[in-house]
Amino acid sequence: MLYNEYLEAHRANNVEAHGENIKESSSSTSSTGLGKSKGKDEFRNYIRNIEIVFEQVKSELDVYLEGVMSCEDDSVFNVLEWWKMNTLKFRILSKMACDILSIPITTVASESAFSAGSRVIDQYRASLGVDTTQVLLCGEDWFRAFYEREKERTRRTLRSSLYLEVLLSLVSWAG
C-alpha cells in the first residue's frame, strides 16, 4: 500500500533527523559543558513517544478517511489549497498528495512532435497510437544519447592522438 511506503519513509526521515539532533546537541553540550540541551532532548523524546502512541491508536489515514469533508455547493473546492491548509494535521498524506497532484503534465502538440516548422502532419503520423508515439520518442532519445557518447569517445581519441603526436615531436626535437 502506498501509504505504508510513505509512512516508512517518514519514519526513516524522522530517525535520521533525530540522530542528527542528538549529535548536534551532544556536541553543543560537550562544548558548553552546561548541559542546557538536556531539556530539549527530553522534550524531543516525549514528542517522539507521543507520535508513536498516536500512530498505534489511530493512523493518519484512518483519521482522514473517517473525517467528514464539507464543501458548499456554491463554492469552488480547491484541493491543493485544502492540502496546504491541512499539512500539519495530515503530514504523511499531505506529502503523498503533493507528490501525486504535482506530477507535471508533459504534453506535446502532435504537430510539433513530428514536424519541423509549420508543416502539417500527414495521415500516417496522425494515426499513430499513444504507445507507438511513446516508443518513437523514447527511441529518439536513446539514439541521441548513444551518438553523443560516440561523439565524446571520438573527441577523446582525437585528443589523445594529438597529445601523443605532440609528445613524440617534443621527444624527437629534444633528442
C-alpha atoms as a PDB file:
ATOM      1  CA  MET A   1       0.000   0.000   0.000  1.00  0.00           C
ATOM      2  CA  LEU A   2       1.344   3.386  -0.994  1.00  0.00           C
ATOM      3  CA  TYR A   3       0.526   4.914   2.382  1.00  0.00           C
ATOM      4  CA  ASN A   4       2.741   2.354   4.146  1.00  0.00           C
ATOM      5  CA  GLU A   5       5.681   3.249   1.901  1.00  0.00           C
ATOM      6  CA  TYR A   6       5.279   6.928   2.721  1.00  0.00           C
ATOM      7  CA  LEU A   7       4.906   6.071   6.417  1.00  0.00           C
ATOM      8  CA  GLU A   8       8.202   4.146   6.395  1.00  0.00           C
ATOM      9  CA  ALA A   9       9.947   6.980   4.549  1.00  0.00           C
ATOM     10  CA  HIS A  10       8.557   9.478   7.083  1.00  0.00           C
ATOM     11  CA  ARG A  11       9.785   7.354   9.978  1.00  0.00           C
ATOM     12  CA  ALA A  12      13.222   6.975   8.383  1.00  0.00           C
ATOM     13  CA  ASN A  13      13.470  10.746   7.889  1.00  0.00           C
ATOM     14  CA  ASN A  14      12.466  11.345  11.500  1.00  0.00           C
ATOM     15  CA  VAL A  15      15.042   8.851  12.755  1.00  0.00           C
ATOM     16  CA  GLU A  16      17.768  10.499  10.655  1.00  0.00           C
ATOM     17  CA  ALA A  17      16.746  13.977  11.797  1.00  0.00           C
ATOM     18  CA  HIS A  18      16.582  12.829  15.410  1.00  0.00           C
ATOM     19  CA  GLY A  19      20.042  11.247  15.107  1.00  0.00           C
ATOM     20  CA  GLU A  20      21.460  14.483  13.713  1.00  0.00           C
ATOM     21  CA  ASN A  21      19.816  16.459  16.511  1.00  0.00           C
ATOM     22  CA  ILE A  22      21.357  14.156  19.101  1.00  0.00           C
ATOM     23  CA  LYS A  23      24.804  14.592  17.527  1.00  0.00           C
ATOM     24  CA  GLU A  24      24.386  18.364  17.439  1.00  0.00           C
ATOM     25  CA  SER A  25      23.092  18.536  20.983  1.00  0.00           C
ATOM     26  CA  SER A  26      25.817  16.286  22.359  1.00  0.00           C
ATOM     27  CA  SER A  27      28.494  18.353  20.649  1.00  0.00           C
ATOM     28  CA  SER A  28      26.964  21.568  21.955  1.00  0.00           C
ATOM     29  CA  THR A  29      26.665  20.063  25.425  1.00  0.00           C
ATOM     30  CA  SER A  30      30.276  18.980  25.435  1.00  0.00           C
ATOM     31  CA  SER A  31      31.431  22.350  24.150  1.00  0.00           C
ATOM     32  CA  THR A  32      29.477  24.394  26.675  1.00  0.00           C
ATOM     33  CA  GLY A  33      29.696  21.893  29.474  1.00  0.00           C
ATOM     34  CA  LEU A  34      26.459  23.177  30.952  1.00  0.00           C
ATOM     35  CA  GLY A  35      24.070  20.512  29.649  1.00  0.00           C
ATOM     36  CA  LYS A  36      21.429  23.053  28.604  1.00  0.00           C
ATOM     37  CA  SER A  37      20.212  20.829  25.787  1.00  0.00           C
ATOM     38  CA  LYS A  38      19.176  18.031  28.150  1.00  0.00           C
ATOM     39  CA  GLY A  39      15.723  19.538  28.438  1.00  0.00           C
ATOM     40  CA  LYS A  40      15.447  19.782  24.659  1.00  0.00           C
ATOM     41  CA  ASP A  41      16.417  16.133  24.265  1.00  0.00           C
ATOM     42  CA  GLU A  42      13.870  15.080  26.848  1.00  0.00           C
ATOM     43  CA  PHE A  43      11.194  17.123  25.085  1.00  0.00           C
ATOM     44  CA  ARG A  44      12.094  15.586  21.699  1.00  0.00           C
ATOM     45  CA  ASN A  45      11.874  12.098  23.208  1.00  0.00           C
ATOM     46  CA  TYR A  46       8.498  12.969  24.716  1.00  0.00           C
ATOM     47  CA  ILE A  47       7.168  14.212  21.359  1.00  0.00           C
ATOM     48  CA  ARG A  48       8.529  11.145  19.565  1.00  0.00           C
ATOM     49  CA  ASN A  49       6.854   8.847  22.103  1.00  0.00           C
ATOM     50  CA  ILE A  50       3.562  10.696  21.719  1.00  0.00           C
ATOM     51  CA  GLU A  51       3.766  10.319  17.926  1.00  0.00           C
ATOM     52  CA  ILE A  52       4.415   6.587  18.289  1.00  0.00           C
ATOM     53  CA  VAL A  53       1.458   6.183  20.658  1.00  0.00           C
ATOM     54  CA  PHE A  54      -0.762   8.239  18.354  1.00  0.00           C
ATOM     55  CA  GLU A  55       0.226   6.070  15.368  1.00  0.00           C
ATOM     56  CA  GLN A  56      -0.664   2.955  17.341  1.00  0.00           C
ATOM     57  CA  VAL A  57      -4.054   4.330  18.387  1.00  0.00           C
ATOM     58  CA  LYS A  58      -5.238   5.537  15.001  1.00  0.00           C
ATOM     59  CA  SER A  59      -3.280   6.036  11.816  1.00  0.00           C
ATOM     60  CA  GLU A  60      -3.338   9.285   9.922  1.00  0.00           C
ATOM     61  CA  LEU A  61      -5.070   7.506   7.066  1.00  0.00           C
ATOM     62  CA  ASP A  62      -7.858   6.294   9.359  1.00  0.00           C
ATOM     63  CA  VAL A  63      -8.363   9.790  10.745  1.00  0.00           C
ATOM     64  CA  TYR A  64      -8.555  11.187   7.211  1.00  0.00           C
ATOM     65  CA  LEU A  65     -10.975   8.533   5.976  1.00  0.00           C
ATOM     66  CA  GLU A  66     -13.237   8.949   8.998  1.00  0.00           C
ATOM     67  CA  GLY A  67     -13.268  12.719   8.722  1.00  0.00           C
ATOM     68  CA  VAL A  68     -16.219  14.418   7.126  1.00  0.00           C
ATOM     69  CA  MET A  69     -15.365  16.950   4.479  1.00  0.00           C
ATOM     70  CA  SER A  70     -17.901  19.619   3.793  1.00  0.00           C
ATOM     71  CA  CYS A  71     -17.945  21.715   0.690  1.00  0.00           C
ATOM     72  CA  GLU A  72     -20.563  24.276  -0.111  1.00  0.00           C
ATOM     73  CA  ASP A  73     -22.395  23.563  -3.345  1.00  0.00           C
ATOM     74  CA  ASP A  74     -21.878  27.128  -4.472  1.00  0.00           C
ATOM     75  CA  SER A  75     -18.203  27.316  -3.552  1.00  0.00           C
ATOM     76  CA  VAL A  76     -15.305  26.153  -5.651  1.00  0.00           C
ATOM     77  CA  PHE A  77     -13.258  23.468  -3.932  1.00  0.00           C
ATOM     78  CA  ASN A  78      -9.507  23.823  -4.403  1.00  0.00           C
ATOM     79  CA  VAL A  79      -7.905  20.505  -3.487  1.00  0.00           C
ATOM     80  CA  LEU A  80      -4.379  21.932  -3.497  1.00  0.00           C
ATOM     81  CA  GLU A  81      -5.377  24.693  -1.103  1.00  0.00           C
ATOM     82  CA  TRP A  82      -7.114  22.152   1.158  1.00  0.00           C
ATOM     83  CA  TRP A  83      -3.969  20.014   1.396  1.00  0.00           C
ATOM     84  CA  LYS A  84      -1.877  23.111   2.016  1.00  0.00           C
ATOM     85  CA  MET A  85      -4.136  24.105   4.909  1.00  0.00           C
ATOM     86  CA  ASN A  86      -4.133  20.561   6.379  1.00  0.00           C
ATOM     87  CA  THR A  87      -0.427  19.796   6.035  1.00  0.00           C
ATOM     88  CA  LEU A  88       0.195  19.818   9.772  1.00  0.00           C
ATOM     89  CA  LYS A  89      -2.823  17.650  10.513  1.00  0.00           C
ATOM     90  CA  PHE A  90      -2.010  15.048   7.836  1.00  0.00           C
ATOM     91  CA  ARG A  91       1.766  15.133   7.431  1.00  0.00           C
ATOM     92  CA  ILE A  92       2.193  11.869   5.530  1.00  0.00           C
ATOM     93  CA  LEU A  93      -0.971  12.125   3.460  1.00  0.00           C
ATOM     94  CA  SER A  94      -0.172  15.714   2.515  1.00  0.00           C
ATOM     95  CA  LYS A  95       3.249  14.567   1.286  1.00  0.00           C
ATOM     96  CA  MET A  96       1.514  11.879  -0.782  1.00  0.00           C
ATOM     97  CA  ALA A  97      -0.950  14.432  -2.154  1.00  0.00           C
ATOM     98  CA  CYS A  98       1.878  16.795  -3.020  1.00  0.00           C
ATOM     99  CA  ASP A  99       3.777  14.080  -4.880  1.00  0.00           C
ATOM    100  CA  ILE A 100       0.718  12.772  -6.701  1.00  0.00           C
ATOM    101  CA  LEU A 101      -1.047  16.022  -7.506  1.00  0.00           C
ATOM    102  CA  SER A 102       2.087  17.844  -8.617  1.00  0.00           C
ATOM    103  CA  ILE A 103       3.058  15.423 -11.366  1.00  0.00           C
ATOM    104  CA  PRO A 104       3.985  17.624 -14.296  1.00  0.00           C
ATOM    105  CA  ILE A 105       1.843  17.069 -17.321  1.00  0.00           C
ATOM    106  CA  THR A 106       4.074  16.539 -20.300  1.00  0.00           C
ATOM    107  CA  THR A 107       2.068  17.231 -23.368  1.00  0.00           C
ATOM    108  CA  VAL A 108       3.469  17.975 -26.748  1.00  0.00           C
ATOM    109  CA  ALA A 109       1.360  19.239 -29.555  1.00  0.00           C
ATOM    110  CA  SER A 110       1.191  16.386 -32.011  1.00  0.00           C
ATOM    111  CA  GLU A 111       2.193  18.675 -34.870  1.00  0.00           C
ATOM    112  CA  SER A 112       5.363  19.840 -33.137  1.00  0.00           C
ATOM    113  CA  ALA A 113       6.272  16.281 -32.163  1.00  0.00           C
ATOM    114  CA  PHE A 114       6.559  15.071 -35.732  1.00  0.00           C
ATOM    115  CA  SER A 115       7.131  18.066 -37.921  1.00  0.00           C
ATOM    116  CA  ALA A 116       9.661  20.815 -38.210  1.00  0.00           C
ATOM    117  CA  GLY A 117       8.458  24.350 -38.549  1.00  0.00           C
ATOM    118  CA  SER A 118       4.877  24.713 -39.657  1.00  0.00           C
ATOM    119  CA  ARG A 119       4.489  21.527 -41.695  1.00  0.00           C
ATOM    120  CA  VAL A 120       1.245  19.657 -41.294  1.00  0.00           C
ATOM    121  CA  ILE A 121       1.225  16.052 -40.075  1.00  0.00           C
ATOM    122  CA  ASP A 122       0.440  13.524 -42.750  1.00  0.00           C
ATOM    123  CA  GLN A 123      -2.339  10.948 -42.337  1.00  0.00           C
ATOM    124  CA  TYR A 124       0.076   8.173 -41.283  1.00  0.00           C
ATOM    125  CA  ARG A 125       1.615  10.121 -38.429  1.00  0.00           C
ATOM    126  CA  ALA A 126      -1.760  11.374 -37.259  1.00  0.00           C
ATOM    127  CA  SER A 127      -2.981   7.786 -36.881  1.00  0.00           C
ATOM    128  CA  LEU A 128      -0.166   6.581 -34.602  1.00  0.00           C
ATOM    129  CA  GLY A 129      -1.268   5.232 -31.251  1.00  0.00           C
ATOM    130  CA  VAL A 130      -0.106   6.571 -27.915  1.00  0.00           C
ATOM    131  CA  ASP A 131       2.178   3.583 -27.257  1.00  0.00           C
ATOM    132  CA  THR A 132       3.769   3.817 -30.699  1.00  0.00           C
ATOM    133  CA  THR A 133       4.346   7.533 -30.274  1.00  0.00           C
ATOM    134  CA  GLN A 134       5.948   6.962 -26.885  1.00  0.00           C
ATOM    135  CA  VAL A 135       8.207   4.233 -28.308  1.00  0.00           C
ATOM    136  CA  LEU A 136       9.307   6.526 -31.130  1.00  0.00           C
ATOM    137  CA  LEU A 137      10.068   9.411 -28.776  1.00  0.00           C
ATOM    138  CA  CYS A 138      11.990   7.164 -26.362  1.00  0.00           C
ATOM    139  CA  GLY A 139      13.894   5.621 -29.259  1.00  0.00           C
ATOM    140  CA  GLU A 140      14.877   9.063 -30.476  1.00  0.00           C
ATOM    141  CA  ASP A 141      16.184   9.958 -27.008  1.00  0.00           C
ATOM    142  CA  TRP A 142      18.154   6.698 -26.826  1.00  0.00           C
ATOM    143  CA  PHE A 143      19.741   7.274 -30.228  1.00  0.00           C
ATOM    144  CA  ARG A 144      20.691  10.825 -29.309  1.00  0.00           C
ATOM    145  CA  ALA A 145      22.296   9.639 -26.071  1.00  0.00           C
ATOM    146  CA  PHE A 146      24.157   6.858 -27.902  1.00  0.00           C
ATOM    147  CA  TYR A 147      25.537   9.177 -30.590  1.00  0.00           C
ATOM    148  CA  GLU A 148      26.504  11.805 -28.014  1.00  0.00           C
ATOM    149  CA  ARG A 149      28.582   9.148 -26.242  1.00  0.00           C
ATOM    150  CA  GLU A 150      30.120   8.133 -29.554  1.00  0.00           C
ATOM    151  CA  LYS A 151      30.988  11.763 -30.320  1.00  0.00           C
ATOM    152  CA  GLU A 152      32.589  12.148 -26.894  1.00  0.00           C
ATOM    153  CA  ARG A 153      34.573   8.932 -27.365  1.00  0.00           C
ATOM    154  CA  THR A 154      35.789  10.164 -30.773  1.00  0.00           C
ATOM    155  CA  ARG A 155      36.782  13.528 -29.260  1.00  0.00           C
ATOM    156  CA  ARG A 156      38.767  11.774 -26.534  1.00  0.00           C
ATOM    157  CA  THR A 157      40.504   9.568 -29.098  1.00  0.00           C
ATOM    158  CA  LEU A 158      41.414  12.580 -31.232  1.00  0.00           C
ATOM    159  CA  ARG A 159      42.627  14.467 -28.177  1.00  0.00           C
ATOM    160  CA  SER A 160      44.765  11.503 -27.096  1.00  0.00           C
ATOM    161  CA  SER A 161      46.280  11.090 -30.534  1.00  0.00           C
ATOM    162  CA  LEU A 162      47.017  14.815 -30.680  1.00  0.00           C
ATOM    163  CA  TYR A 163      48.760  14.662 -27.294  1.00  0.00           C
ATOM    164  CA  LEU A 164      50.728  11.642 -28.465  1.00  0.00           C
ATOM    165  CA  GLU A 165      51.848  13.452 -31.619  1.00  0.00           C
ATOM    166  CA  VAL A 166      52.924  16.486 -29.588  1.00  0.00           C
ATOM    167  CA  LEU A 167      54.875  14.287 -27.166  1.00  0.00           C
ATOM    168  CA  LEU A 168      56.571  12.413 -29.998  1.00  0.00           C
ATOM    169  CA  SER A 169      57.524  15.654 -31.710  1.00  0.00           C
ATOM    170  CA  LEU A 170      58.917  17.021 -28.431  1.00  0.00           C
ATOM    171  CA  VAL A 171      60.919  13.847 -27.852  1.00  0.00           C
ATOM    172  CA  SER A 172      62.307  13.893 -31.391  1.00  0.00           C
ATOM    173  CA  TRP A 173      63.072  17.605 -31.144  1.00  0.00           C
ATOM    174  CA  ALA A 174      64.802  17.217 -27.762  1.00  0.00           C
ATOM    175  CA  GLY A 175      66.716  14.119 -28.819  1.00  0.00           C
END
